[in-house]
Each structure stands twice: as structure tokens, then as C-alpha cells.
PDBML (XML) file of the C-alpha atoms, coordinates in Angstrom:
<?xml version="1.0" encoding="UTF-8" ?>
<PDBx:datablock datablockName="MODEL"
   xmlns:PDBx="http://pdbml.pdb.org/schema/pdbx-v50.xsd"
   xmlns:xsi="http://www.w3.org/2001/XMLSchema-instance"
   xsi:schemaLocation="http://pdbml.pdb.org/schema/pdbx-v50.xsd pdbx-v50.xsd">
   <PDBx:atom_siteCategory>
      <PDBx:atom_site id="1">
         <PDBx:B_iso_or_equiv>0.00</PDBx:B_iso_or_equiv>
         <PDBx:Cartn_x>74.681</PDBx:Cartn_x>
         <PDBx:Cartn_y>102.988</PDBx:Cartn_y>
         <PDBx:Cartn_z>80.696</PDBx:Cartn_z>
         <PDBx:auth_asym_id>A</PDBx:auth_asym_id>
         <PDBx:auth_atom_id>CA</PDBx:auth_atom_id>
         <PDBx:auth_comp_id>PRO</PDBx:auth_comp_id>
         <PDBx:auth_seq_id>1</PDBx:auth_seq_id>
         <PDBx:group_PDB>ATOM</PDBx:group_PDB>
         <PDBx:label_alt_id xsi:nil="true" />
         <PDBx:label_asym_id>A</PDBx:label_asym_id>
         <PDBx:label_atom_id>CA</PDBx:label_atom_id>
         <PDBx:label_comp_id>PRO</PDBx:label_comp_id>
         <PDBx:label_entity_id>1</PDBx:label_entity_id>
         <PDBx:label_seq_id>1</PDBx:label_seq_id>
         <PDBx:occupancy>1.00</PDBx:occupancy>
         <PDBx:pdbx_PDB_model_num>1</PDBx:pdbx_PDB_model_num>
         <PDBx:type_symbol>C</PDBx:type_symbol>
      </PDBx:atom_site>
      <PDBx:atom_site id="2">
         <PDBx:B_iso_or_equiv>0.00</PDBx:B_iso_or_equiv>
         <PDBx:Cartn_x>72.271</PDBx:Cartn_x>
         <PDBx:Cartn_y>101.725</PDBx:Cartn_y>
         <PDBx:Cartn_z>78.076</PDBx:Cartn_z>
         <PDBx:auth_asym_id>A</PDBx:auth_asym_id>
         <PDBx:auth_atom_id>CA</PDBx:auth_atom_id>
         <PDBx:auth_comp_id>GLU</PDBx:auth_comp_id>
         <PDBx:auth_seq_id>2</PDBx:auth_seq_id>
         <PDBx:group_PDB>ATOM</PDBx:group_PDB>
         <PDBx:label_alt_id xsi:nil="true" />
         <PDBx:label_asym_id>A</PDBx:label_asym_id>
         <PDBx:label_atom_id>CA</PDBx:label_atom_id>
         <PDBx:label_comp_id>GLU</PDBx:label_comp_id>
         <PDBx:label_entity_id>1</PDBx:label_entity_id>
         <PDBx:label_seq_id>2</PDBx:label_seq_id>
         <PDBx:occupancy>1.00</PDBx:occupancy>
         <PDBx:pdbx_PDB_model_num>1</PDBx:pdbx_PDB_model_num>
         <PDBx:type_symbol>C</PDBx:type_symbol>
      </PDBx:atom_site>
      <PDBx:atom_site id="3">
         <PDBx:B_iso_or_equiv>0.00</PDBx:B_iso_or_equiv>
         <PDBx:Cartn_x>74.688</PDBx:Cartn_x>
         <PDBx:Cartn_y>99.523</PDBx:Cartn_y>
         <PDBx:Cartn_z>76.362</PDBx:Cartn_z>
         <PDBx:auth_asym_id>A</PDBx:auth_asym_id>
         <PDBx:auth_atom_id>CA</PDBx:auth_atom_id>
         <PDBx:auth_comp_id>VAL</PDBx:auth_comp_id>
         <PDBx:auth_seq_id>3</PDBx:auth_seq_id>
         <PDBx:group_PDB>ATOM</PDBx:group_PDB>
         <PDBx:label_alt_id xsi:nil="true" />
         <PDBx:label_asym_id>A</PDBx:label_asym_id>
         <PDBx:label_atom_id>CA</PDBx:label_atom_id>
         <PDBx:label_comp_id>VAL</PDBx:label_comp_id>
         <PDBx:label_entity_id>1</PDBx:label_entity_id>
         <PDBx:label_seq_id>3</PDBx:label_seq_id>
         <PDBx:occupancy>1.00</PDBx:occupancy>
         <PDBx:pdbx_PDB_model_num>1</PDBx:pdbx_PDB_model_num>
         <PDBx:type_symbol>C</PDBx:type_symbol>
      </PDBx:atom_site>
      <PDBx:atom_site id="4">
         <PDBx:B_iso_or_equiv>0.00</PDBx:B_iso_or_equiv>
         <PDBx:Cartn_x>75.932</PDBx:Cartn_x>
         <PDBx:Cartn_y>98.017</PDBx:Cartn_y>
         <PDBx:Cartn_z>79.968</PDBx:Cartn_z>
         <PDBx:auth_asym_id>A</PDBx:auth_asym_id>
         <PDBx:auth_atom_id>CA</PDBx:auth_atom_id>
         <PDBx:auth_comp_id>ALA</PDBx:auth_comp_id>
         <PDBx:auth_seq_id>4</PDBx:auth_seq_id>
         <PDBx:group_PDB>ATOM</PDBx:group_PDB>
         <PDBx:label_alt_id xsi:nil="true" />
         <PDBx:label_asym_id>A</PDBx:label_asym_id>
         <PDBx:label_atom_id>CA</PDBx:label_atom_id>
         <PDBx:label_comp_id>ALA</PDBx:label_comp_id>
         <PDBx:label_entity_id>1</PDBx:label_entity_id>
         <PDBx:label_seq_id>4</PDBx:label_seq_id>
         <PDBx:occupancy>1.00</PDBx:occupancy>
         <PDBx:pdbx_PDB_model_num>1</PDBx:pdbx_PDB_model_num>
         <PDBx:type_symbol>C</PDBx:type_symbol>
      </PDBx:atom_site>
      <PDBx:atom_site id="5">
         <PDBx:B_iso_or_equiv>0.00</PDBx:B_iso_or_equiv>
         <PDBx:Cartn_x>72.059</PDBx:Cartn_x>
         <PDBx:Cartn_y>97.726</PDBx:Cartn_y>
         <PDBx:Cartn_z>80.198</PDBx:Cartn_z>
         <PDBx:auth_asym_id>A</PDBx:auth_asym_id>
         <PDBx:auth_atom_id>CA</PDBx:auth_atom_id>
         <PDBx:auth_comp_id>ASN</PDBx:auth_comp_id>
         <PDBx:auth_seq_id>5</PDBx:auth_seq_id>
         <PDBx:group_PDB>ATOM</PDBx:group_PDB>
         <PDBx:label_alt_id xsi:nil="true" />
         <PDBx:label_asym_id>A</PDBx:label_asym_id>
         <PDBx:label_atom_id>CA</PDBx:label_atom_id>
         <PDBx:label_comp_id>ASN</PDBx:label_comp_id>
         <PDBx:label_entity_id>1</PDBx:label_entity_id>
         <PDBx:label_seq_id>5</PDBx:label_seq_id>
         <PDBx:occupancy>1.00</PDBx:occupancy>
         <PDBx:pdbx_PDB_model_num>1</PDBx:pdbx_PDB_model_num>
         <PDBx:type_symbol>C</PDBx:type_symbol>
      </PDBx:atom_site>
      <PDBx:atom_site id="6">
         <PDBx:B_iso_or_equiv>0.00</PDBx:B_iso_or_equiv>
         <PDBx:Cartn_x>71.609</PDBx:Cartn_x>
         <PDBx:Cartn_y>96.393</PDBx:Cartn_y>
         <PDBx:Cartn_z>76.822</PDBx:Cartn_z>
         <PDBx:auth_asym_id>A</PDBx:auth_asym_id>
         <PDBx:auth_atom_id>CA</PDBx:auth_atom_id>
         <PDBx:auth_comp_id>SER</PDBx:auth_comp_id>
         <PDBx:auth_seq_id>6</PDBx:auth_seq_id>
         <PDBx:group_PDB>ATOM</PDBx:group_PDB>
         <PDBx:label_alt_id xsi:nil="true" />
         <PDBx:label_asym_id>A</PDBx:label_asym_id>
         <PDBx:label_atom_id>CA</PDBx:label_atom_id>
         <PDBx:label_comp_id>SER</PDBx:label_comp_id>
         <PDBx:label_entity_id>1</PDBx:label_entity_id>
         <PDBx:label_seq_id>6</PDBx:label_seq_id>
         <PDBx:occupancy>1.00</PDBx:occupancy>
         <PDBx:pdbx_PDB_model_num>1</PDBx:pdbx_PDB_model_num>
         <PDBx:type_symbol>C</PDBx:type_symbol>
      </PDBx:atom_site>
      <PDBx:atom_site id="7">
         <PDBx:B_iso_or_equiv>0.00</PDBx:B_iso_or_equiv>
         <PDBx:Cartn_x>74.384</PDBx:Cartn_x>
         <PDBx:Cartn_y>93.316</PDBx:Cartn_y>
         <PDBx:Cartn_z>77.291</PDBx:Cartn_z>
         <PDBx:auth_asym_id>A</PDBx:auth_asym_id>
         <PDBx:auth_atom_id>CA</PDBx:auth_atom_id>
         <PDBx:auth_comp_id>TRP</PDBx:auth_comp_id>
         <PDBx:auth_seq_id>7</PDBx:auth_seq_id>
         <PDBx:group_PDB>ATOM</PDBx:group_PDB>
         <PDBx:label_alt_id xsi:nil="true" />
         <PDBx:label_asym_id>A</PDBx:label_asym_id>
         <PDBx:label_atom_id>CA</PDBx:label_atom_id>
         <PDBx:label_comp_id>TRP</PDBx:label_comp_id>
         <PDBx:label_entity_id>1</PDBx:label_entity_id>
         <PDBx:label_seq_id>7</PDBx:label_seq_id>
         <PDBx:occupancy>1.00</PDBx:occupancy>
         <PDBx:pdbx_PDB_model_num>1</PDBx:pdbx_PDB_model_num>
         <PDBx:type_symbol>C</PDBx:type_symbol>
      </PDBx:atom_site>
      <PDBx:atom_site id="8">
         <PDBx:B_iso_or_equiv>0.00</PDBx:B_iso_or_equiv>
         <PDBx:Cartn_x>72.718</PDBx:Cartn_x>
         <PDBx:Cartn_y>92.366</PDBx:Cartn_y>
         <PDBx:Cartn_z>80.499</PDBx:Cartn_z>
         <PDBx:auth_asym_id>A</PDBx:auth_asym_id>
         <PDBx:auth_atom_id>CA</PDBx:auth_atom_id>
         <PDBx:auth_comp_id>GLN</PDBx:auth_comp_id>
         <PDBx:auth_seq_id>8</PDBx:auth_seq_id>
         <PDBx:group_PDB>ATOM</PDBx:group_PDB>
         <PDBx:label_alt_id xsi:nil="true" />
         <PDBx:label_asym_id>A</PDBx:label_asym_id>
         <PDBx:label_atom_id>CA</PDBx:label_atom_id>
         <PDBx:label_comp_id>GLN</PDBx:label_comp_id>
         <PDBx:label_entity_id>1</PDBx:label_entity_id>
         <PDBx:label_seq_id>8</PDBx:label_seq_id>
         <PDBx:occupancy>1.00</PDBx:occupancy>
         <PDBx:pdbx_PDB_model_num>1</PDBx:pdbx_PDB_model_num>
         <PDBx:type_symbol>C</PDBx:type_symbol>
      </PDBx:atom_site>
      <PDBx:atom_site id="9">
         <PDBx:B_iso_or_equiv>0.00</PDBx:B_iso_or_equiv>
         <PDBx:Cartn_x>69.743</PDBx:Cartn_x>
         <PDBx:Cartn_y>91.759</PDBx:Cartn_y>
         <PDBx:Cartn_z>78.778</PDBx:Cartn_z>
         <PDBx:auth_asym_id>A</PDBx:auth_asym_id>
         <PDBx:auth_atom_id>CA</PDBx:auth_atom_id>
         <PDBx:auth_comp_id>ARG</PDBx:auth_comp_id>
         <PDBx:auth_seq_id>9</PDBx:auth_seq_id>
         <PDBx:group_PDB>ATOM</PDBx:group_PDB>
         <PDBx:label_alt_id xsi:nil="true" />
         <PDBx:label_asym_id>A</PDBx:label_asym_id>
         <PDBx:label_atom_id>CA</PDBx:label_atom_id>
         <PDBx:label_comp_id>ARG</PDBx:label_comp_id>
         <PDBx:label_entity_id>1</PDBx:label_entity_id>
         <PDBx:label_seq_id>9</PDBx:label_seq_id>
         <PDBx:occupancy>1.00</PDBx:occupancy>
         <PDBx:pdbx_PDB_model_num>1</PDBx:pdbx_PDB_model_num>
         <PDBx:type_symbol>C</PDBx:type_symbol>
      </PDBx:atom_site>
      <PDBx:atom_site id="10">
         <PDBx:B_iso_or_equiv>0.00</PDBx:B_iso_or_equiv>
         <PDBx:Cartn_x>71.137</PDBx:Cartn_x>
         <PDBx:Cartn_y>90.015</PDBx:Cartn_y>
         <PDBx:Cartn_z>76.035</PDBx:Cartn_z>
         <PDBx:auth_asym_id>A</PDBx:auth_asym_id>
         <PDBx:auth_atom_id>CA</PDBx:auth_atom_id>
         <PDBx:auth_comp_id>CYS</PDBx:auth_comp_id>
         <PDBx:auth_seq_id>10</PDBx:auth_seq_id>
         <PDBx:group_PDB>ATOM</PDBx:group_PDB>
         <PDBx:label_alt_id xsi:nil="true" />
         <PDBx:label_asym_id>A</PDBx:label_asym_id>
         <PDBx:label_atom_id>CA</PDBx:label_atom_id>
         <PDBx:label_comp_id>CYS</PDBx:label_comp_id>
         <PDBx:label_entity_id>1</PDBx:label_entity_id>
         <PDBx:label_seq_id>10</PDBx:label_seq_id>
         <PDBx:occupancy>1.00</PDBx:occupancy>
         <PDBx:pdbx_PDB_model_num>1</PDBx:pdbx_PDB_model_num>
         <PDBx:type_symbol>C</PDBx:type_symbol>
      </PDBx:atom_site>
      <PDBx:atom_site id="11">
         <PDBx:B_iso_or_equiv>0.00</PDBx:B_iso_or_equiv>
         <PDBx:Cartn_x>72.939</PDBx:Cartn_x>
         <PDBx:Cartn_y>87.591</PDBx:Cartn_y>
         <PDBx:Cartn_z>78.722</PDBx:Cartn_z>
         <PDBx:auth_asym_id>A</PDBx:auth_asym_id>
         <PDBx:auth_atom_id>CA</PDBx:auth_atom_id>
         <PDBx:auth_comp_id>ARG</PDBx:auth_comp_id>
         <PDBx:auth_seq_id>11</PDBx:auth_seq_id>
         <PDBx:group_PDB>ATOM</PDBx:group_PDB>
         <PDBx:label_alt_id xsi:nil="true" />
         <PDBx:label_asym_id>A</PDBx:label_asym_id>
         <PDBx:label_atom_id>CA</PDBx:label_atom_id>
         <PDBx:label_comp_id>ARG</PDBx:label_comp_id>
         <PDBx:label_entity_id>1</PDBx:label_entity_id>
         <PDBx:label_seq_id>11</PDBx:label_seq_id>
         <PDBx:occupancy>1.00</PDBx:occupancy>
         <PDBx:pdbx_PDB_model_num>1</PDBx:pdbx_PDB_model_num>
         <PDBx:type_symbol>C</PDBx:type_symbol>
      </PDBx:atom_site>
      <PDBx:atom_site id="12">
         <PDBx:B_iso_or_equiv>0.00</PDBx:B_iso_or_equiv>
         <PDBx:Cartn_x>69.816</PDBx:Cartn_x>
         <PDBx:Cartn_y>87.118</PDBx:Cartn_y>
         <PDBx:Cartn_z>79.978</PDBx:Cartn_z>
         <PDBx:auth_asym_id>A</PDBx:auth_asym_id>
         <PDBx:auth_atom_id>CA</PDBx:auth_atom_id>
         <PDBx:auth_comp_id>ASN</PDBx:auth_comp_id>
         <PDBx:auth_seq_id>12</PDBx:auth_seq_id>
         <PDBx:group_PDB>ATOM</PDBx:group_PDB>
         <PDBx:label_alt_id xsi:nil="true" />
         <PDBx:label_asym_id>A</PDBx:label_asym_id>
         <PDBx:label_atom_id>CA</PDBx:label_atom_id>
         <PDBx:label_comp_id>ASN</PDBx:label_comp_id>
         <PDBx:label_entity_id>1</PDBx:label_entity_id>
         <PDBx:label_seq_id>12</PDBx:label_seq_id>
         <PDBx:occupancy>1.00</PDBx:occupancy>
         <PDBx:pdbx_PDB_model_num>1</PDBx:pdbx_PDB_model_num>
         <PDBx:type_symbol>C</PDBx:type_symbol>
      </PDBx:atom_site>
      <PDBx:atom_site id="13">
         <PDBx:B_iso_or_equiv>0.00</PDBx:B_iso_or_equiv>
         <PDBx:Cartn_x>68.326</PDBx:Cartn_x>
         <PDBx:Cartn_y>86.002</PDBx:Cartn_y>
         <PDBx:Cartn_z>77.128</PDBx:Cartn_z>
         <PDBx:auth_asym_id>A</PDBx:auth_asym_id>
         <PDBx:auth_atom_id>CA</PDBx:auth_atom_id>
         <PDBx:auth_comp_id>LEU</PDBx:auth_comp_id>
         <PDBx:auth_seq_id>13</PDBx:auth_seq_id>
         <PDBx:group_PDB>ATOM</PDBx:group_PDB>
         <PDBx:label_alt_id xsi:nil="true" />
         <PDBx:label_asym_id>A</PDBx:label_asym_id>
         <PDBx:label_atom_id>CA</PDBx:label_atom_id>
         <PDBx:label_comp_id>LEU</PDBx:label_comp_id>
         <PDBx:label_entity_id>1</PDBx:label_entity_id>
         <PDBx:label_seq_id>13</PDBx:label_seq_id>
         <PDBx:occupancy>1.00</PDBx:occupancy>
         <PDBx:pdbx_PDB_model_num>1</PDBx:pdbx_PDB_model_num>
         <PDBx:type_symbol>C</PDBx:type_symbol>
      </PDBx:atom_site>
      <PDBx:atom_site id="14">
         <PDBx:B_iso_or_equiv>0.00</PDBx:B_iso_or_equiv>
         <PDBx:Cartn_x>70.676</PDBx:Cartn_x>
         <PDBx:Cartn_y>83.778</PDBx:Cartn_y>
         <PDBx:Cartn_z>76.795</PDBx:Cartn_z>
         <PDBx:auth_asym_id>A</PDBx:auth_asym_id>
         <PDBx:auth_atom_id>CA</PDBx:auth_atom_id>
         <PDBx:auth_comp_id>ASN</PDBx:auth_comp_id>
         <PDBx:auth_seq_id>14</PDBx:auth_seq_id>
         <PDBx:group_PDB>ATOM</PDBx:group_PDB>
         <PDBx:label_alt_id xsi:nil="true" />
         <PDBx:label_asym_id>A</PDBx:label_asym_id>
         <PDBx:label_atom_id>CA</PDBx:label_atom_id>
         <PDBx:label_comp_id>ASN</PDBx:label_comp_id>
         <PDBx:label_entity_id>1</PDBx:label_entity_id>
         <PDBx:label_seq_id>14</PDBx:label_seq_id>
         <PDBx:occupancy>1.00</PDBx:occupancy>
         <PDBx:pdbx_PDB_model_num>1</PDBx:pdbx_PDB_model_num>
         <PDBx:type_symbol>C</PDBx:type_symbol>
      </PDBx:atom_site>
      <PDBx:atom_site id="15">
         <PDBx:B_iso_or_equiv>0.00</PDBx:B_iso_or_equiv>
         <PDBx:Cartn_x>71.977</PDBx:Cartn_x>
         <PDBx:Cartn_y>85.097</PDBx:Cartn_y>
         <PDBx:Cartn_z>73.068</PDBx:Cartn_z>
         <PDBx:auth_asym_id>A</PDBx:auth_asym_id>
         <PDBx:auth_atom_id>CA</PDBx:auth_atom_id>
         <PDBx:auth_comp_id>ILE</PDBx:auth_comp_id>
         <PDBx:auth_seq_id>15</PDBx:auth_seq_id>
         <PDBx:group_PDB>ATOM</PDBx:group_PDB>
         <PDBx:label_alt_id xsi:nil="true" />
         <PDBx:label_asym_id>A</PDBx:label_asym_id>
         <PDBx:label_atom_id>CA</PDBx:label_atom_id>
         <PDBx:label_comp_id>ILE</PDBx:label_comp_id>
         <PDBx:label_entity_id>1</PDBx:label_entity_id>
         <PDBx:label_seq_id>15</PDBx:label_seq_id>
         <PDBx:occupancy>1.00</PDBx:occupancy>
         <PDBx:pdbx_PDB_model_num>1</PDBx:pdbx_PDB_model_num>
         <PDBx:type_symbol>C</PDBx:type_symbol>
      </PDBx:atom_site>
      <PDBx:atom_site id="16">
         <PDBx:B_iso_or_equiv>0.00</PDBx:B_iso_or_equiv>
         <PDBx:Cartn_x>74.878</PDBx:Cartn_x>
         <PDBx:Cartn_y>83.820</PDBx:Cartn_y>
         <PDBx:Cartn_z>71.687</PDBx:Cartn_z>
         <PDBx:auth_asym_id>A</PDBx:auth_asym_id>
         <PDBx:auth_atom_id>CA</PDBx:auth_atom_id>
         <PDBx:auth_comp_id>ASN</PDBx:auth_comp_id>
         <PDBx:auth_seq_id>16</PDBx:auth_seq_id>
         <PDBx:group_PDB>ATOM</PDBx:group_PDB>
         <PDBx:label_alt_id xsi:nil="true" />
         <PDBx:label_asym_id>A</PDBx:label_asym_id>
         <PDBx:label_atom_id>CA</PDBx:label_atom_id>
         <PDBx:label_comp_id>ASN</PDBx:label_comp_id>
         <PDBx:label_entity_id>1</PDBx:label_entity_id>
         <PDBx:label_seq_id>16</PDBx:label_seq_id>
         <PDBx:occupancy>1.00</PDBx:occupancy>
         <PDBx:pdbx_PDB_model_num>1</PDBx:pdbx_PDB_model_num>
         <PDBx:type_symbol>C</PDBx:type_symbol>
      </PDBx:atom_site>
      <PDBx:atom_site id="17">
         <PDBx:B_iso_or_equiv>0.00</PDBx:B_iso_or_equiv>
         <PDBx:Cartn_x>77.775</PDBx:Cartn_x>
         <PDBx:Cartn_y>86.275</PDBx:Cartn_y>
         <PDBx:Cartn_z>70.900</PDBx:Cartn_z>
         <PDBx:auth_asym_id>A</PDBx:auth_asym_id>
         <PDBx:auth_atom_id>CA</PDBx:auth_atom_id>
         <PDBx:auth_comp_id>PRO</PDBx:auth_comp_id>
         <PDBx:auth_seq_id>17</PDBx:auth_seq_id>
         <PDBx:group_PDB>ATOM</PDBx:group_PDB>
         <PDBx:label_alt_id xsi:nil="true" />
         <PDBx:label_asym_id>A</PDBx:label_asym_id>
         <PDBx:label_atom_id>CA</PDBx:label_atom_id>
         <PDBx:label_comp_id>PRO</PDBx:label_comp_id>
         <PDBx:label_entity_id>1</PDBx:label_entity_id>
         <PDBx:label_seq_id>17</PDBx:label_seq_id>
         <PDBx:occupancy>1.00</PDBx:occupancy>
         <PDBx:pdbx_PDB_model_num>1</PDBx:pdbx_PDB_model_num>
         <PDBx:type_symbol>C</PDBx:type_symbol>
      </PDBx:atom_site>
      <PDBx:atom_site id="18">
         <PDBx:B_iso_or_equiv>0.00</PDBx:B_iso_or_equiv>
         <PDBx:Cartn_x>79.897</PDBx:Cartn_x>
         <PDBx:Cartn_y>84.881</PDBx:Cartn_y>
         <PDBx:Cartn_z>68.529</PDBx:Cartn_z>
         <PDBx:auth_asym_id>A</PDBx:auth_asym_id>
         <PDBx:auth_atom_id>CA</PDBx:auth_atom_id>
         <PDBx:auth_comp_id>TYR</PDBx:auth_comp_id>
         <PDBx:auth_seq_id>18</PDBx:auth_seq_id>
         <PDBx:group_PDB>ATOM</PDBx:group_PDB>
         <PDBx:label_alt_id xsi:nil="true" />
         <PDBx:label_asym_id>A</PDBx:label_asym_id>
         <PDBx:label_atom_id>CA</PDBx:label_atom_id>
         <PDBx:label_comp_id>TYR</PDBx:label_comp_id>
         <PDBx:label_entity_id>1</PDBx:label_entity_id>
         <PDBx:label_seq_id>18</PDBx:label_seq_id>
         <PDBx:occupancy>1.00</PDBx:occupancy>
         <PDBx:pdbx_PDB_model_num>1</PDBx:pdbx_PDB_model_num>
         <PDBx:type_symbol>C</PDBx:type_symbol>
      </PDBx:atom_site>
      <PDBx:atom_site id="19">
         <PDBx:B_iso_or_equiv>0.00</PDBx:B_iso_or_equiv>
         <PDBx:Cartn_x>76.406</PDBx:Cartn_x>
         <PDBx:Cartn_y>83.580</PDBx:Cartn_y>
         <PDBx:Cartn_z>65.715</PDBx:Cartn_z>
         <PDBx:auth_asym_id>A</PDBx:auth_asym_id>
         <PDBx:auth_atom_id>CA</PDBx:auth_atom_id>
         <PDBx:auth_comp_id>LEU</PDBx:auth_comp_id>
         <PDBx:auth_seq_id>19</PDBx:auth_seq_id>
         <PDBx:group_PDB>ATOM</PDBx:group_PDB>
         <PDBx:label_alt_id xsi:nil="true" />
         <PDBx:label_asym_id>A</PDBx:label_asym_id>
         <PDBx:label_atom_id>CA</PDBx:label_atom_id>
         <PDBx:label_comp_id>LEU</PDBx:label_comp_id>
         <PDBx:label_entity_id>1</PDBx:label_entity_id>
         <PDBx:label_seq_id>19</PDBx:label_seq_id>
         <PDBx:occupancy>1.00</PDBx:occupancy>
         <PDBx:pdbx_PDB_model_num>1</PDBx:pdbx_PDB_model_num>
         <PDBx:type_symbol>C</PDBx:type_symbol>
      </PDBx:atom_site>
      <PDBx:atom_site id="20">
         <PDBx:B_iso_or_equiv>0.00</PDBx:B_iso_or_equiv>
         <PDBx:Cartn_x>74.943</PDBx:Cartn_x>
         <PDBx:Cartn_y>84.970</PDBx:Cartn_y>
         <PDBx:Cartn_z>63.518</PDBx:Cartn_z>
         <PDBx:auth_asym_id>A</PDBx:auth_asym_id>
         <PDBx:auth_atom_id>CA</PDBx:auth_atom_id>
         <PDBx:auth_comp_id>GLU</PDBx:auth_comp_id>
         <PDBx:auth_seq_id>20</PDBx:auth_seq_id>
         <PDBx:group_PDB>ATOM</PDBx:group_PDB>
         <PDBx:label_alt_id xsi:nil="true" />
         <PDBx:label_asym_id>A</PDBx:label_asym_id>
         <PDBx:label_atom_id>CA</PDBx:label_atom_id>
         <PDBx:label_comp_id>GLU</PDBx:label_comp_id>
         <PDBx:label_entity_id>1</PDBx:label_entity_id>
         <PDBx:label_seq_id>20</PDBx:label_seq_id>
         <PDBx:occupancy>1.00</PDBx:occupancy>
         <PDBx:pdbx_PDB_model_num>1</PDBx:pdbx_PDB_model_num>
         <PDBx:type_symbol>C</PDBx:type_symbol>
      </PDBx:atom_site>
      <PDBx:atom_site id="21">
         <PDBx:B_iso_or_equiv>0.00</PDBx:B_iso_or_equiv>
         <PDBx:Cartn_x>71.390</PDBx:Cartn_x>
         <PDBx:Cartn_y>83.702</PDBx:Cartn_y>
         <PDBx:Cartn_z>63.862</PDBx:Cartn_z>
         <PDBx:auth_asym_id>A</PDBx:auth_asym_id>
         <PDBx:auth_atom_id>CA</PDBx:auth_atom_id>
         <PDBx:auth_comp_id>PRO</PDBx:auth_comp_id>
         <PDBx:auth_seq_id>21</PDBx:auth_seq_id>
         <PDBx:group_PDB>ATOM</PDBx:group_PDB>
         <PDBx:label_alt_id xsi:nil="true" />
         <PDBx:label_asym_id>A</PDBx:label_asym_id>
         <PDBx:label_atom_id>CA</PDBx:label_atom_id>
         <PDBx:label_comp_id>PRO</PDBx:label_comp_id>
         <PDBx:label_entity_id>1</PDBx:label_entity_id>
         <PDBx:label_seq_id>21</PDBx:label_seq_id>
         <PDBx:occupancy>1.00</PDBx:occupancy>
         <PDBx:pdbx_PDB_model_num>1</PDBx:pdbx_PDB_model_num>
         <PDBx:type_symbol>C</PDBx:type_symbol>
      </PDBx:atom_site>
      <PDBx:atom_site id="22">
         <PDBx:B_iso_or_equiv>0.00</PDBx:B_iso_or_equiv>
         <PDBx:Cartn_x>68.606</PDBx:Cartn_x>
         <PDBx:Cartn_y>83.514</PDBx:Cartn_y>
         <PDBx:Cartn_z>60.349</PDBx:Cartn_z>
         <PDBx:auth_asym_id>A</PDBx:auth_asym_id>
         <PDBx:auth_atom_id>CA</PDBx:auth_atom_id>
         <PDBx:auth_comp_id>GLU</PDBx:auth_comp_id>
         <PDBx:auth_seq_id>22</PDBx:auth_seq_id>
         <PDBx:group_PDB>ATOM</PDBx:group_PDB>
         <PDBx:label_alt_id xsi:nil="true" />
         <PDBx:label_asym_id>A</PDBx:label_asym_id>
         <PDBx:label_atom_id>CA</PDBx:label_atom_id>
         <PDBx:label_comp_id>GLU</PDBx:label_comp_id>
         <PDBx:label_entity_id>1</PDBx:label_entity_id>
         <PDBx:label_seq_id>22</PDBx:label_seq_id>
         <PDBx:occupancy>1.00</PDBx:occupancy>
         <PDBx:pdbx_PDB_model_num>1</PDBx:pdbx_PDB_model_num>
         <PDBx:type_symbol>C</PDBx:type_symbol>
      </PDBx:atom_site>
      <PDBx:atom_site id="23">
         <PDBx:B_iso_or_equiv>0.00</PDBx:B_iso_or_equiv>
         <PDBx:Cartn_x>66.132</PDBx:Cartn_x>
         <PDBx:Cartn_y>86.109</PDBx:Cartn_y>
         <PDBx:Cartn_z>61.727</PDBx:Cartn_z>
         <PDBx:auth_asym_id>A</PDBx:auth_asym_id>
         <PDBx:auth_atom_id>CA</PDBx:auth_atom_id>
         <PDBx:auth_comp_id>THR</PDBx:auth_comp_id>
         <PDBx:auth_seq_id>23</PDBx:auth_seq_id>
         <PDBx:group_PDB>ATOM</PDBx:group_PDB>
         <PDBx:label_alt_id xsi:nil="true" />
         <PDBx:label_asym_id>A</PDBx:label_asym_id>
         <PDBx:label_atom_id>CA</PDBx:label_atom_id>
         <PDBx:label_comp_id>THR</PDBx:label_comp_id>
         <PDBx:label_entity_id>1</PDBx:label_entity_id>
         <PDBx:label_seq_id>23</PDBx:label_seq_id>
         <PDBx:occupancy>1.00</PDBx:occupancy>
         <PDBx:pdbx_PDB_model_num>1</PDBx:pdbx_PDB_model_num>
         <PDBx:type_symbol>C</PDBx:type_symbol>
      </PDBx:atom_site>
      <PDBx:atom_site id="24">
         <PDBx:B_iso_or_equiv>0.00</PDBx:B_iso_or_equiv>
         <PDBx:Cartn_x>65.248</PDBx:Cartn_x>
         <PDBx:Cartn_y>87.007</PDBx:Cartn_y>
         <PDBx:Cartn_z>58.219</PDBx:Cartn_z>
         <PDBx:auth_asym_id>A</PDBx:auth_asym_id>
         <PDBx:auth_atom_id>CA</PDBx:auth_atom_id>
         <PDBx:auth_comp_id>ARG</PDBx:auth_comp_id>
         <PDBx:auth_seq_id>24</PDBx:auth_seq_id>
         <PDBx:group_PDB>ATOM</PDBx:group_PDB>
         <PDBx:label_alt_id xsi:nil="true" />
         <PDBx:label_asym_id>A</PDBx:label_asym_id>
         <PDBx:label_atom_id>CA</PDBx:label_atom_id>
         <PDBx:label_comp_id>ARG</PDBx:label_comp_id>
         <PDBx:label_entity_id>1</PDBx:label_entity_id>
         <PDBx:label_seq_id>24</PDBx:label_seq_id>
         <PDBx:occupancy>1.00</PDBx:occupancy>
         <PDBx:pdbx_PDB_model_num>1</PDBx:pdbx_PDB_model_num>
         <PDBx:type_symbol>C</PDBx:type_symbol>
      </PDBx:atom_site>
      <PDBx:atom_site id="25">
         <PDBx:B_iso_or_equiv>0.00</PDBx:B_iso_or_equiv>
         <PDBx:Cartn_x>60.990</PDBx:Cartn_x>
         <PDBx:Cartn_y>87.023</PDBx:Cartn_y>
         <PDBx:Cartn_z>57.001</PDBx:Cartn_z>
         <PDBx:auth_asym_id>A</PDBx:auth_asym_id>
         <PDBx:auth_atom_id>CA</PDBx:auth_atom_id>
         <PDBx:auth_comp_id>VAL</PDBx:auth_comp_id>
         <PDBx:auth_seq_id>25</PDBx:auth_seq_id>
         <PDBx:group_PDB>ATOM</PDBx:group_PDB>
         <PDBx:label_alt_id xsi:nil="true" />
         <PDBx:label_asym_id>A</PDBx:label_asym_id>
         <PDBx:label_atom_id>CA</PDBx:label_atom_id>
         <PDBx:label_comp_id>VAL</PDBx:label_comp_id>
         <PDBx:label_entity_id>1</PDBx:label_entity_id>
         <PDBx:label_seq_id>25</PDBx:label_seq_id>
         <PDBx:occupancy>1.00</PDBx:occupancy>
         <PDBx:pdbx_PDB_model_num>1</PDBx:pdbx_PDB_model_num>
         <PDBx:type_symbol>C</PDBx:type_symbol>
      </PDBx:atom_site>
   </PDBx:atom_siteCategory>
</PDBx:datablock>
């Protein structure tokens, strides 16, 4: 359930599943 719920949140946030974004401060 926690994985399924997280995937759904990621889809709602339009996160690209193929890319590695630059998120380092």
C-alpha cells in the first residue's frame, strides 16, 4: 500500500520517472 500510494502521488506531481533532476543544494 505505501508503494502504491507513493506512485500515485508521484503521478499527480508530474514527476518524470526516467530523469534524474539536479536537486543538490
